[in-house]
Amino acid sequence: MKLPLLLLSLLLATLPAQAAKTYSPGELQLMIPLGNYPAEGPVTRQETHKMNREECLARSDKLSSSASSVSPSLRLVDTPQLRSTKVWGGDGAMIINCPAAGGMELKRSSYR
């Protein structure tokens, strides 16, 4: 499975029954642009993938654009040292970090 599809699957995967809150794509599309962000719990899953920074940036952009029809995203940081993008899904959010040293860091948290 290609990494962007794997990342999108991770983002949209259903959490166990104890998940406290979910949002529809429509709710998220209305909330996020207004700065009304869902409350999140601690990071529940963290992964690091080896790749160079340029590949990370390209994959991050591809994931954000492919998820944009159902999930809002926001560039949090865009500097030479770090690019960080957040993507909100129905049951949680994912942060995609592309540090200058290379690699792709993914952090997933569910909503409270």
PDB file of N, CA and C in Angstrom:
ATOM      1  N   MET A   1       0.850  -1.175   0.000  1.00  0.00           N
ATOM      2  CA  MET A   1       0.000   0.000   0.000  1.00  0.00           C
ATOM      3  C   MET A   1       0.890   1.230   0.000  1.00  0.00           C
ATOM      4  N   LYS A   2       0.565   2.208  -0.785  1.00  0.00           N
ATOM      5  CA  LYS A   2       1.363   3.417  -0.841  1.00  0.00           C
ATOM      6  C   LYS A   2       1.211   4.207   0.443  1.00  0.00           C
ATOM      7  N   LEU A   3       2.265   4.936   0.810  1.00  0.00           N
ATOM      8  CA  LEU A   3       2.279   5.672   2.068  1.00  0.00           C
ATOM      9  C   LEU A   3       1.130   6.673   2.189  1.00  0.00           C
ATOM     10  N   PRO A   4       0.795   7.495   1.164  1.00  0.00           N
ATOM     11  CA  PRO A   4      -0.321   8.429   1.340  1.00  0.00           C
ATOM     12  C   PRO A   4      -1.634   7.716   1.658  1.00  0.00           C
ATOM     13  N   LEU A   5      -1.887   6.592   1.007  1.00  0.00           N
ATOM     14  CA  LEU A   5      -3.117   5.855   1.308  1.00  0.00           C
ATOM     15  C   LEU A   5      -3.068   5.266   2.700  1.00  0.00           C
ATOM     16  N   LEU A   6      -1.891   4.808   3.115  1.00  0.00           N
ATOM     17  CA  LEU A   6      -1.727   4.284   4.462  1.00  0.00           C
ATOM     18  C   LEU A   6      -1.974   5.379   5.495  1.00  0.00           C
ATOM     19  N   LEU A   7      -1.435   6.568   5.231  1.00  0.00           N
ATOM     20  CA  LEU A   7      -1.624   7.681   6.159  1.00  0.00           C
ATOM     21  C   LEU A   7      -3.084   8.093   6.235  1.00  0.00           C
ATOM     22  N   LEU A   8      -3.742   8.158   5.091  1.00  0.00           N
ATOM     23  CA  LEU A   8      -5.157   8.512   5.078  1.00  0.00           C
ATOM     24  C   LEU A   8      -5.974   7.452   5.796  1.00  0.00           C
ATOM     25  N   SER A   9      -5.639   6.183   5.600  1.00  0.00           N
ATOM     26  CA  SER A   9      -6.339   5.112   6.309  1.00  0.00           C
ATOM     27  C   SER A   9      -6.156   5.244   7.811  1.00  0.00           C
ATOM     28  N   LEU A  10      -4.937   5.580   8.228  1.00  0.00           N
ATOM     29  CA  LEU A  10      -4.657   5.782   9.648  1.00  0.00           C
ATOM     30  C   LEU A  10      -5.493   6.924  10.199  1.00  0.00           C
ATOM     31  N   LEU A  11      -5.577   7.995   9.445  1.00  0.00           N
ATOM     32  CA  LEU A  11      -6.339   9.160   9.887  1.00  0.00           C
ATOM     33  C   LEU A  11      -7.821   8.860  10.018  1.00  0.00           C
ATOM     34  N   LEU A  12      -8.362   8.137   9.057  1.00  0.00           N
ATOM     35  CA  LEU A  12      -9.800   7.910   9.021  1.00  0.00           C
ATOM     36  C   LEU A  12     -10.236   6.618   9.705  1.00  0.00           C
ATOM     37  N   ALA A  13      -9.259   5.871  10.236  1.00  0.00           N
ATOM     38  CA  ALA A  13      -9.585   4.597  10.891  1.00  0.00           C
ATOM     39  C   ALA A  13     -10.487   4.823  12.100  1.00  0.00           C
ATOM     40  N   THR A  14     -11.393   3.905  12.317  1.00  0.00           N
ATOM     41  CA  THR A  14     -12.296   3.998  13.456  1.00  0.00           C
ATOM     42  C   THR A  14     -11.572   3.618  14.724  1.00  0.00           C
ATOM     43  N   LEU A  15     -11.744   4.426  15.750  1.00  0.00           N
ATOM     44  CA  LEU A  15     -11.147   4.136  17.048  1.00  0.00           C
ATOM     45  C   LEU A  15     -12.040   3.185  17.818  1.00  0.00           C
ATOM     46  N   PRO A  16     -11.530   2.566  18.857  1.00  0.00           N
ATOM     47  CA  PRO A  16     -12.341   1.678  19.685  1.00  0.00           C
ATOM     48  C   PRO A  16     -13.570   2.394  20.241  1.00  0.00           C
ATOM     49  N   ALA A  17     -14.504   1.616  20.761  1.00  0.00           N
ATOM     50  CA  ALA A  17     -15.783   2.139  21.222  1.00  0.00           C
ATOM     51  C   ALA A  17     -15.655   3.203  22.297  1.00  0.00           C
ATOM     52  N   GLN A  18     -14.517   3.266  23.022  1.00  0.00           N
ATOM     53  CA  GLN A  18     -14.396   4.246  24.078  1.00  0.00           C
ATOM     54  C   GLN A  18     -14.152   5.661  23.565  1.00  0.00           C
ATOM     55  N   ALA A  19     -13.992   5.856  22.255  1.00  0.00           N
ATOM     56  CA  ALA A  19     -13.797   7.191  21.714  1.00  0.00           C
ATOM     57  C   ALA A  19     -14.977   8.072  22.088  1.00  0.00           C
ATOM     58  N   ALA A  20     -14.675   9.210  22.675  1.00  0.00           N
ATOM     59  CA  ALA A  20     -15.719  10.055  23.246  1.00  0.00           C
ATOM     60  C   ALA A  20     -16.435  10.909  22.209  1.00  0.00           C
ATOM     61  N   LYS A  21     -15.771  11.323  21.159  1.00  0.00           N
ATOM     62  CA  LYS A  21     -16.377  12.296  20.259  1.00  0.00           C
ATOM     63  C   LYS A  21     -15.978  12.034  18.821  1.00  0.00           C
ATOM     64  N   THR A  22     -16.911  12.202  17.929  1.00  0.00           N
ATOM     65  CA  THR A  22     -16.643  12.165  16.495  1.00  0.00           C
ATOM     66  C   THR A  22     -17.323  13.369  15.854  1.00  0.00           C
ATOM     67  N   TYR A  23     -16.853  13.731  14.673  1.00  0.00           N
ATOM     68  CA  TYR A  23     -17.410  14.859  13.931  1.00  0.00           C
ATOM     69  C   TYR A  23     -17.623  14.437  12.488  1.00  0.00           C
ATOM     70  N   SER A  24     -18.660  14.930  11.889  1.00  0.00           N
ATOM     71  CA  SER A  24     -18.896  14.668  10.471  1.00  0.00           C
ATOM     72  C   SER A  24     -17.973  15.580   9.652  1.00  0.00           C
ATOM     73  N   PRO A  25     -17.708  15.219   8.392  1.00  0.00           N
ATOM     74  CA  PRO A  25     -16.889  16.097   7.554  1.00  0.00           C
ATOM     75  C   PRO A  25     -17.476  17.507   7.460  1.00  0.00           C
ATOM     76  N   GLY A  26     -18.788  17.603   7.383  1.00  0.00           N
ATOM     77  CA  GLY A  26     -19.429  18.912   7.308  1.00  0.00           C
ATOM     78  C   GLY A  26     -19.193  19.748   8.555  1.00  0.00           C
ATOM     79  N   GLU A  27     -19.275  19.103   9.715  1.00  0.00           N
ATOM     80  CA  GLU A  27     -19.018  19.829  10.967  1.00  0.00           C
ATOM     81  C   GLU A  27     -17.586  20.351  11.001  1.00  0.00           C
ATOM     82  N   LEU A  28     -16.644  19.498  10.637  1.00  0.00           N
ATOM     83  CA  LEU A  28     -15.242  19.903  10.650  1.00  0.00           C
ATOM     84  C   LEU A  28     -14.974  21.021   9.644  1.00  0.00           C
ATOM     85  N   GLN A  29     -15.592  20.940   8.470  1.00  0.00           N
ATOM     86  CA  GLN A  29     -15.395  21.967   7.439  1.00  0.00           C
ATOM     87  C   GLN A  29     -15.919  23.324   7.904  1.00  0.00           C
ATOM     88  N   LEU A  30     -16.913  23.319   8.788  1.00  0.00           N
ATOM     89  CA  LEU A  30     -17.426  24.580   9.344  1.00  0.00           C
ATOM     90  C   LEU A  30     -16.596  25.050  10.539  1.00  0.00           C
ATOM     91  N   MET A  31     -16.131  24.128  11.366  1.00  0.00           N
ATOM     92  CA  MET A  31     -15.427  24.470  12.601  1.00  0.00           C
ATOM     93  C   MET A  31     -14.014  24.997  12.375  1.00  0.00           C
ATOM     94  N   ILE A  32     -13.219  24.255  11.643  1.00  0.00           N
ATOM     95  CA  ILE A  32     -11.781  24.522  11.535  1.00  0.00           C
ATOM     96  C   ILE A  32     -11.479  25.907  10.954  1.00  0.00           C
ATOM     97  N   PRO A  33     -12.095  26.316   9.839  1.00  0.00           N
ATOM     98  CA  PRO A  33     -11.789  27.649   9.295  1.00  0.00           C
ATOM     99  C   PRO A  33     -12.106  28.791  10.263  1.00  0.00           C
ATOM    100  N   LEU A  34     -13.025  28.553  11.202  1.00  0.00           N
ATOM    101  CA  LEU A  34     -13.377  29.584  12.177  1.00  0.00           C
ATOM    102  C   LEU A  34     -12.499  29.533  13.421  1.00  0.00           C
ATOM    103  N   GLY A  35     -11.545  28.594  13.465  1.00  0.00           N
ATOM    104  CA  GLY A  35     -10.667  28.474  14.620  1.00  0.00           C
ATOM    105  C   GLY A  35     -11.311  27.749  15.787  1.00  0.00           C
ATOM    106  N   ASN A  36     -12.421  27.062  15.530  1.00  0.00           N
ATOM    107  CA  ASN A  36     -13.120  26.298  16.558  1.00  0.00           C
ATOM    108  C   ASN A  36     -12.637  24.849  16.466  1.00  0.00           C
ATOM    109  N   TYR A  37     -11.482  24.556  17.093  1.00  0.00           N
ATOM    110  CA  TYR A  37     -10.848  23.249  16.964  1.00  0.00           C
ATOM    111  C   TYR A  37     -11.401  22.260  17.991  1.00  0.00           C
ATOM    112  N   PRO A  38     -11.629  21.025  17.598  1.00  0.00           N
ATOM    113  CA  PRO A  38     -12.084  20.004  18.554  1.00  0.00           C
ATOM    114  C   PRO A  38     -11.030  19.764  19.637  1.00  0.00           C
ATOM    115  N   ALA A  39     -11.483  19.522  20.854  1.00  0.00           N
ATOM    116  CA  ALA A  39     -10.570  19.195  21.944  1.00  0.00           C
ATOM    117  C   ALA A  39      -9.962  17.814  21.676  1.00  0.00           C
ATOM    118  N   GLU A  40      -8.660  17.707  21.862  1.00  0.00           N
ATOM    119  CA  GLU A  40      -7.957  16.448  21.592  1.00  0.00           C
ATOM    120  C   GLU A  40      -7.354  15.877  22.861  1.00  0.00           C
ATOM    121  N   GLY A  41      -7.284  14.575  22.885  1.00  0.00           N
ATOM    122  CA  GLY A  41      -6.608  13.877  23.968  1.00  0.00           C
ATOM    123  C   GLY A  41      -5.130  13.764  23.659  1.00  0.00           C
ATOM    124  N   PRO A  42      -4.415  12.964  24.439  1.00  0.00           N
ATOM    125  CA  PRO A  42      -2.980  12.786  24.203  1.00  0.00           C
ATOM    126  C   PRO A  42      -2.727  12.013  22.907  1.00  0.00           C
ATOM    127  N   VAL A  43      -1.499  12.073  22.444  1.00  0.00           N
ATOM    128  CA  VAL A  43      -1.105  11.331  21.240  1.00  0.00           C
ATOM    129  C   VAL A  43      -1.302   9.844  21.512  1.00  0.00           C
ATOM    130  N   THR A  44      -2.078   9.190  20.632  1.00  0.00           N
ATOM    131  CA  THR A  44      -2.363   7.764  20.803  1.00  0.00           C
ATOM    132  C   THR A  44      -1.511   6.888  19.903  1.00  0.00           C
ATOM    133  N   ARG A  45      -0.939   7.488  18.870  1.00  0.00           N
ATOM    134  CA  ARG A  45      -0.098   6.716  17.953  1.00  0.00           C
ATOM    135  C   ARG A  45       0.936   7.647  17.358  1.00  0.00           C
ATOM    136  N   GLN A  46       2.180   7.185  17.328  1.00  0.00           N
ATOM    137  CA  GLN A  46       3.265   7.979  16.787  1.00  0.00           C
ATOM    138  C   GLN A  46       4.132   7.080  15.917  1.00  0.00           C
ATOM    139  N   GLU A  47       4.466   7.563  14.731  1.00  0.00           N
ATOM    140  CA  GLU A  47       5.291   6.804  13.793  1.00  0.00           C
ATOM    141  C   GLU A  47       6.336   7.716  13.184  1.00  0.00           C
ATOM    142  N   THR A  48       7.456   7.124  12.789  1.00  0.00           N
ATOM    143  CA  THR A  48       8.487   7.835  12.053  1.00  0.00           C
ATOM    144  C   THR A  48       8.843   7.001  10.834  1.00  0.00           C
ATOM    145  N   HIS A  49       8.872   7.648   9.671  1.00  0.00           N
ATOM    146  CA  HIS A  49       9.227   6.974   8.421  1.00  0.00           C
ATOM    147  C   HIS A  49      10.493   7.619   7.868  1.00  0.00           C
ATOM    148  N   LYS A  50      11.447   6.795   7.432  1.00  0.00           N
ATOM    149  CA  LYS A  50      12.699   7.303   6.878  1.00  0.00           C
ATOM    150  C   LYS A  50      12.485   7.751   5.436  1.00  0.00           C
ATOM    151  N   MET A  51      12.881   8.972   5.162  1.00  0.00           N
ATOM    152  CA  MET A  51      12.858   9.537   3.812  1.00  0.00           C
ATOM    153  C   MET A  51      13.550  10.889   3.876  1.00  0.00           C
ATOM    154  N   ASN A  52      13.900  11.431   2.721  1.00  0.00           N
ATOM    155  CA  ASN A  52      14.508  12.755   2.748  1.00  0.00           C
ATOM    156  C   ASN A  52      13.415  13.819   2.895  1.00  0.00           C
ATOM    157  N   ARG A  53      13.834  15.020   3.204  1.00  0.00           N
ATOM    158  CA  ARG A  53      12.862  16.086   3.471  1.00  0.00           C
ATOM    159  C   ARG A  53      11.992  16.395   2.253  1.00  0.00           C
ATOM    160  N   GLU A  54      12.574  16.423   1.075  1.00  0.00           N
ATOM    161  CA  GLU A  54      11.801  16.740  -0.126  1.00  0.00           C
ATOM    162  C   GLU A  54      10.683  15.724  -0.342  1.00  0.00           C
ATOM    163  N   GLU A  55      10.982  14.449  -0.120  1.00  0.00           N
ATOM    164  CA  GLU A  55       9.965  13.411  -0.261  1.00  0.00           C
ATOM    165  C   GLU A  55       8.876  13.592   0.806  1.00  0.00           C
ATOM    166  N   CYS A  56       9.281  13.929   2.010  1.00  0.00           N
ATOM    167  CA  CYS A  56       8.317  14.162   3.086  1.00  0.00           C
ATOM    168  C   CYS A  56       7.389  15.328   2.730  1.00  0.00           C
ATOM    169  N   LEU A  57       7.967  16.412   2.235  1.00  0.00           N
ATOM    170  CA  LEU A  57       7.155  17.570   1.862  1.00  0.00           C
ATOM    171  C   LEU A  57       6.152  17.208   0.765  1.00  0.00           C
ATOM    172  N   ALA A  58       6.611  16.466  -0.226  1.00  0.00           N
ATOM    173  CA  ALA A  58       5.724  16.062  -1.317  1.00  0.00           C
ATOM    174  C   ALA A  58       4.604  15.152  -0.817  1.00  0.00           C
ATOM    175  N   ARG A  59       4.940  14.198   0.028  1.00  0.00           N
ATOM    176  CA  ARG A  59       3.919  13.279   0.554  1.00  0.00           C
ATOM    177  C   ARG A  59       2.947  13.992   1.481  1.00  0.00           C
ATOM    178  N   SER A  60       3.450  14.911   2.274  1.00  0.00           N
ATOM    179  CA  SER A  60       2.590  15.695   3.159  1.00  0.00           C
ATOM    180  C   SER A  60       1.596  16.515   2.341  1.00  0.00           C
ATOM    181  N   ASP A  61       2.082  17.163   1.280  1.00  0.00           N
ATOM    182  CA  ASP A  61       1.202  17.940   0.407  1.00  0.00           C
ATOM    183  C   ASP A  61       0.160  17.054  -0.266  1.00  0.00           C
ATOM    184  N   LYS A  62       0.595  15.883  -0.730  1.00  0.00           N
ATOM    185  CA  LYS A  62      -0.318  14.964  -1.405  1.00  0.00           C
ATOM    186  C   LYS A  62      -1.405  14.462  -0.443  1.00  0.00           C
ATOM    187  N   LEU A  63      -1.003  14.123   0.765  1.00  0.00           N
ATOM    188  CA  LEU A  63      -1.970  13.668   1.757  1.00  0.00           C
ATOM    189  C   LEU A  63      -2.975  14.771   2.090  1.00  0.00           C
ATOM    190  N   SER A  64      -2.479  15.974   2.322  1.00  0.00           N
ATOM    191  CA  SER A  64      -3.366  17.096   2.644  1.00  0.00           C
ATOM    192  C   SER A  64      -4.357  17.368   1.522  1.00  0.00           C
ATOM    193  N   SER A  65      -3.885  17.361   0.291  1.00  0.00           N
ATOM    194  CA  SER A  65      -4.787  17.651  -0.827  1.00  0.00           C
ATOM    195  C   SER A  65      -5.755  16.502  -1.080  1.00  0.00           C
ATOM    196  N   SER A  66      -5.316  15.243  -0.902  1.00  0.00           N
ATOM    197  CA  SER A  66      -6.232  14.124  -1.145  1.00  0.00           C
ATOM    198  C   SER A  66      -7.279  14.018  -0.051  1.00  0.00           C
ATOM    199  N   ALA A  67      -6.956  14.440   1.160  1.00  0.00           N
ATOM    200  CA  ALA A  67      -7.917  14.385   2.262  1.00  0.00           C
ATOM    201  C   ALA A  67      -8.811  15.618   2.300  1.00  0.00           C
ATOM    202  N   SER A  68      -8.471  16.665   1.561  1.00  0.00           N
ATOM    203  CA  SER A  68      -9.177  17.941   1.686  1.00  0.00           C
ATOM    204  C   SER A  68     -10.661  17.885   1.327  1.00  0.00           C
ATOM    205  N   SER A  69     -11.075  16.911   0.544  1.00  0.00           N
ATOM    206  CA  SER A  69     -12.495  16.830   0.196  1.00  0.00           C
ATOM    207  C   SER A  69     -13.350  16.383   1.380  1.00  0.00           C
ATOM    208  N   VAL A  70     -12.756  15.679   2.338  1.00  0.00           N
ATOM    209  CA  VAL A  70     -13.509  15.218   3.505  1.00  0.00           C
ATOM    210  C   VAL A  70     -12.924  15.703   4.824  1.00  0.00           C
ATOM    211  N   SER A  71     -11.674  16.125   4.837  1.00  0.00           N
ATOM    212  CA  SER A  71     -11.012  16.501   6.072  1.00  0.00           C
ATOM    213  C   SER A  71     -10.265  17.815   5.913  1.00  0.00           C
ATOM    214  N   PRO A  72     -10.556  18.791   6.768  1.00  0.00           N
ATOM    215  CA  PRO A  72      -9.800  20.044   6.676  1.00  0.00           C
ATOM    216  C   PRO A  72      -8.357  19.836   7.141  1.00  0.00           C
ATOM    217  N   SER A  73      -7.461  20.650   6.616  1.00  0.00           N
ATOM    218  CA  SER A  73      -6.069  20.607   7.042  1.00  0.00           C
ATOM    219  C   SER A  73      -5.562  22.036   7.172  1.00  0.00           C
ATOM    220  N   LEU A  74      -4.488  22.176   7.931  1.00  0.00           N
ATOM    221  CA  LEU A  74      -3.921  23.494   8.186  1.00  0.00           C
ATOM    222  C   LEU A  74      -2.414  23.363   8.326  1.00  0.00           C
ATOM    223  N   ARG A  75      -1.678  24.221   7.645  1.00  0.00           N
ATOM    224  CA  ARG A  75      -0.224  24.263   7.796  1.00  0.00           C
ATOM    225  C   ARG A  75       0.055  25.010   9.086  1.00  0.00           C
ATOM    226  N   LEU A  76       0.661  24.335  10.050  1.00  0.00           N
ATOM    227  CA  LEU A  76       0.952  24.933  11.354  1.00  0.00           C
ATOM    228  C   LEU A  76       2.268  25.688  11.366  1.00  0.00           C
ATOM    229  N   VAL A  77       3.286  25.093  10.738  1.00  0.00           N
ATOM    230  CA  VAL A  77       4.635  25.678  10.697  1.00  0.00           C
ATOM    231  C   VAL A  77       5.197  25.441   9.311  1.00  0.00           C
ATOM    232  N   ASP A  78       5.864  26.445   8.756  1.00  0.00           N
ATOM    233  CA  ASP A  78       6.528  26.269   7.465  1.00  0.00           C
ATOM    234  C   ASP A  78       7.806  27.103   7.475  1.00  0.00           C
ATOM    235  N   THR A  79       8.862  26.515   8.002  1.00  0.00           N
ATOM    236  CA  THR A  79      10.164  27.168   8.082  1.00  0.00           C
ATOM    237  C   THR A  79      11.209  26.231   7.479  1.00  0.00           C
ATOM    238  N   PRO A  80      12.425  26.720   7.273  1.00  0.00           N
ATOM    239  CA  PRO A  80      13.469  25.817   6.777  1.00  0.00           C
ATOM    240  C   PRO A  80      13.779  24.665   7.742  1.00  0.00           C
ATOM    241  N   GLN A  81      13.481  24.832   9.020  1.00  0.00           N
ATOM    242  CA  GLN A  81      13.770  23.802  10.001  1.00  0.00           C
ATOM    243  C   GLN A  81      12.651  22.768  10.127  1.00  0.00           C
ATOM    244  N   LEU A  82      11.397  23.171   9.868  1.00  0.00           N
ATOM    245  CA  LEU A  82      10.265  22.275  10.089  1.00  0.00           C
ATOM    246  C   LEU A  82       9.050  22.708   9.282  1.00  0.00           C
ATOM    247  N   ARG A  83       8.406  21.726   8.676  1.00  0.00           N
ATOM    248  CA  ARG A  83       7.058  21.946   8.137  1.00  0.00           C
ATOM    249  C   ARG A  83       6.145  21.003   8.895  1.00  0.00           C
ATOM    250  N   SER A  84       5.086  21.565   9.445  1.00  0.00           N
ATOM    251  CA  SER A  84       4.134  20.794  10.231  1.00  0.00           C
ATOM    252  C   SER A  84       2.727  21.081   9.710  1.00  0.00           C
ATOM    253  N   THR A  85       1.986  20.008   9.402  1.00  0.00           N
ATOM    254  CA  THR A  85       0.638  20.112   8.867  1.00  0.00           C
ATOM    255  C   THR A  85      -0.296  19.283   9.730  1.00  0.00           C
ATOM    256  N   LYS A  86      -1.463  19.814  10.001  1.00  0.00           N
ATOM    257  CA  LYS A  86      -2.457  19.087  10.792  1.00  0.00           C
ATOM    258  C   LYS A  86      -3.648  18.775   9.903  1.00  0.00           C
ATOM    259  N   VAL A  87      -4.129  17.534   9.995  1.00  0.00           N
ATOM    260  CA  VAL A  87      -5.295  17.089   9.238  1.00  0.00           C
ATOM    261  C   VAL A  87      -6.305  16.542  10.243  1.00  0.00           C
ATOM    262  N   TRP A  88      -7.539  17.041  10.178  1.00  0.00           N
ATOM    263  CA  TRP A  88      -8.597  16.585  11.071  1.00  0.00           C
ATOM    264  C   TRP A  88      -9.452  15.551  10.367  1.00  0.00           C
ATOM    265  N   GLY A  89      -9.751  14.465  11.042  1.00  0.00           N
ATOM    266  CA  GLY A  89     -10.642  13.430  10.534  1.00  0.00           C
ATOM    267  C   GLY A  89     -11.846  13.309  11.439  1.00  0.00           C
ATOM    268  N   GLY A  90     -12.756  12.417  11.130  1.00  0.00           N
ATOM    269  CA  GLY A  90     -13.985  12.267  11.888  1.00  0.00           C
ATOM    270  C   GLY A  90     -13.792  11.898  13.334  1.00  0.00           C
ATOM    271  N   ASP A  91     -12.764  11.126  13.646  1.00  0.00           N
ATOM    272  CA  ASP A  91     -12.586  10.653  15.017  1.00  0.00           C
ATOM    273  C   ASP A  91     -11.271  11.094  15.654  1.00  0.00           C
ATOM    274  N   GLY A  92     -10.510  11.926  14.982  1.00  0.00           N
ATOM    275  CA  GLY A  92      -9.256  12.393  15.551  1.00  0.00           C
ATOM    276  C   GLY A  92      -8.465  13.219  14.549  1.00  0.00           C
ATOM    277  N   ALA A  93      -7.314  13.674  14.980  1.00  0.00           N
ATOM    278  CA  ALA A  93      -6.467  14.520  14.142  1.00  0.00           C
ATOM    279  C   ALA A  93      -5.074  13.913  14.025  1.00  0.00           C
ATOM    280  N   MET A  94      -4.382  14.288  12.944  1.00  0.00           N
ATOM    281  CA  MET A  94      -3.027  13.815  12.713  1.00  0.00           C
ATOM    282  C   MET A  94      -2.144  15.011  12.410  1.00  0.00           C
ATOM    283  N   ILE A  95      -0.958  15.014  12.988  1.00  0.00           N
ATOM    284  CA  ILE A  95       0.053  16.013  12.670  1.00  0.00           C
ATOM    285  C   ILE A  95       1.150  15.322  11.876  1.00  0.00           C
ATOM    286  N   ILE A  96       1.520  15.935  10.755  1.00  0.00           N
ATOM    287  CA  ILE A  96       2.572  15.428   9.881  1.00  0.00           C
ATOM    288  C   ILE A  96       3.736  16.410   9.967  1.00  0.00           C
ATOM    289  N   ASN A  97       4.865  15.955  10.489  1.00  0.00           N
ATOM    290  CA  ASN A  97       6.048  16.799  10.612  1.00  0.00           C
ATOM    291  C   ASN A  97       7.108  16.370   9.619  1.00  0.00           C
ATOM    292  N   CYS A  98       7.701  17.364   8.951  1.00  0.00           N
ATOM    293  CA  CYS A  98       8.830  17.142   8.056  1.00  0.00           C
ATOM    294  C   CYS A  98       9.992  18.003   8.554  1.00  0.00           C
ATOM    295  N   PRO A  99      10.860  17.443   9.393  1.00  0.00           N
ATOM    296  CA  PRO A  99      11.994  18.217   9.913  1.00  0.00           C
ATOM    297  C   PRO A  99      13.103  18.366   8.870  1.00  0.00           C
ATOM    298  N   ALA A 100      13.944  19.369   9.058  1.00  0.00           N
ATOM    299  CA  ALA A 100      15.040  19.629   8.125  1.00  0.00           C
ATOM    300  C   ALA A 100      15.984  18.437   8.004  1.00  0.00           C
ATOM    301  N   ALA A 101      16.144  17.684   9.077  1.00  0.00           N
ATOM    302  CA  ALA A 101      17.058  16.534   9.072  1.00  0.00           C
ATOM    303  C   ALA A 101      16.524  15.366   8.253  1.00  0.00           C
ATOM    304  N   GLY A 102      15.269  15.428   7.826  1.00  0.00           N
ATOM    305  CA  GLY A 102      14.669  14.354   7.052  1.00  0.00           C
ATOM    306  C   GLY A 102      13.781  13.484   7.903  1.00  0.00           C
ATOM    307  N   GLY A 103      13.081  12.584   7.245  1.00  0.00           N
ATOM    308  CA  GLY A 103      12.130  11.724   7.928  1.00  0.00           C
ATOM    309  C   GLY A 103      10.748  12.342   7.943  1.00  0.00           C
ATOM    310  N   MET A 104       9.759  11.511   8.226  1.00  0.00           N
ATOM    311  CA  MET A 104       8.380  11.971   8.371  1.00  0.00           C
ATOM    312  C   MET A 104       7.879  11.471   9.716  1.00  0.00           C
ATOM    313  N   GLU A 105       7.404  12.400  10.530  1.00  0.00           N
ATOM    314  CA  GLU A 105       6.874  12.063  11.835  1.00  0.00           C
ATOM    315  C   GLU A 105       5.359  12.229  11.805  1.00  0.00           C
ATOM    316  N   LEU A 106       4.647  11.210  12.228  1.00  0.00           N
ATOM    317  CA  LEU A 106       3.182  11.244  12.278  1.00  0.00           C
ATOM    318  C   LEU A 106       2.737  11.095  13.720  1.00  0.00           C
ATOM    319  N   LYS A 107       1.821  11.951  14.147  1.00  0.00           N
ATOM    320  CA  LYS A 107       1.273  11.866  15.493  1.00  0.00           C
ATOM    321  C   LYS A 107      -0.250  11.912  15.385  1.00  0.00           C
ATOM    322  N   ARG A 108      -0.901  10.931  15.993  1.00  0.00           N
ATOM    323  CA  ARG A 108      -2.362  10.786  15.910  1.00  0.00           C
ATOM    324  C   ARG A 108      -2.960  10.910  17.298  1.00  0.00           C
ATOM    325  N   SER A 109      -4.032  11.677  17.422  1.00  0.00           N
ATOM    326  CA  SER A 109      -4.736  11.791  18.694  1.00  0.00           C
ATOM    327  C   SER A 109      -6.238  11.769  18.424  1.00  0.00           C
ATOM    328  N   SER A 110      -6.993  11.241  19.376  1.00  0.00           N
ATOM    329  CA  SER A 110      -8.446  11.197  19.250  1.00  0.00           C
ATOM    330  C   SER A 110      -9.042  12.415  19.937  1.00  0.00           C
ATOM    331  N   TYR A 111     -10.304  12.666  19.669  1.00  0.00           N
ATOM    332  CA  TYR A 111     -11.004  13.784  20.287  1.00  0.00           C
ATOM    333  C   TYR A 111     -11.497  13.397  21.673  1.00  0.00           C
ATOM    334  N   ARG A 112     -11.625  14.388  22.525  1.00  0.00           N
ATOM    335  CA  ARG A 112     -12.201  14.166  23.850  1.00  0.00           C
ATOM    336  C   ARG A 112     -13.650  14.493  23.829  1.00  0.00           C
TER     337      ARG A 112
END
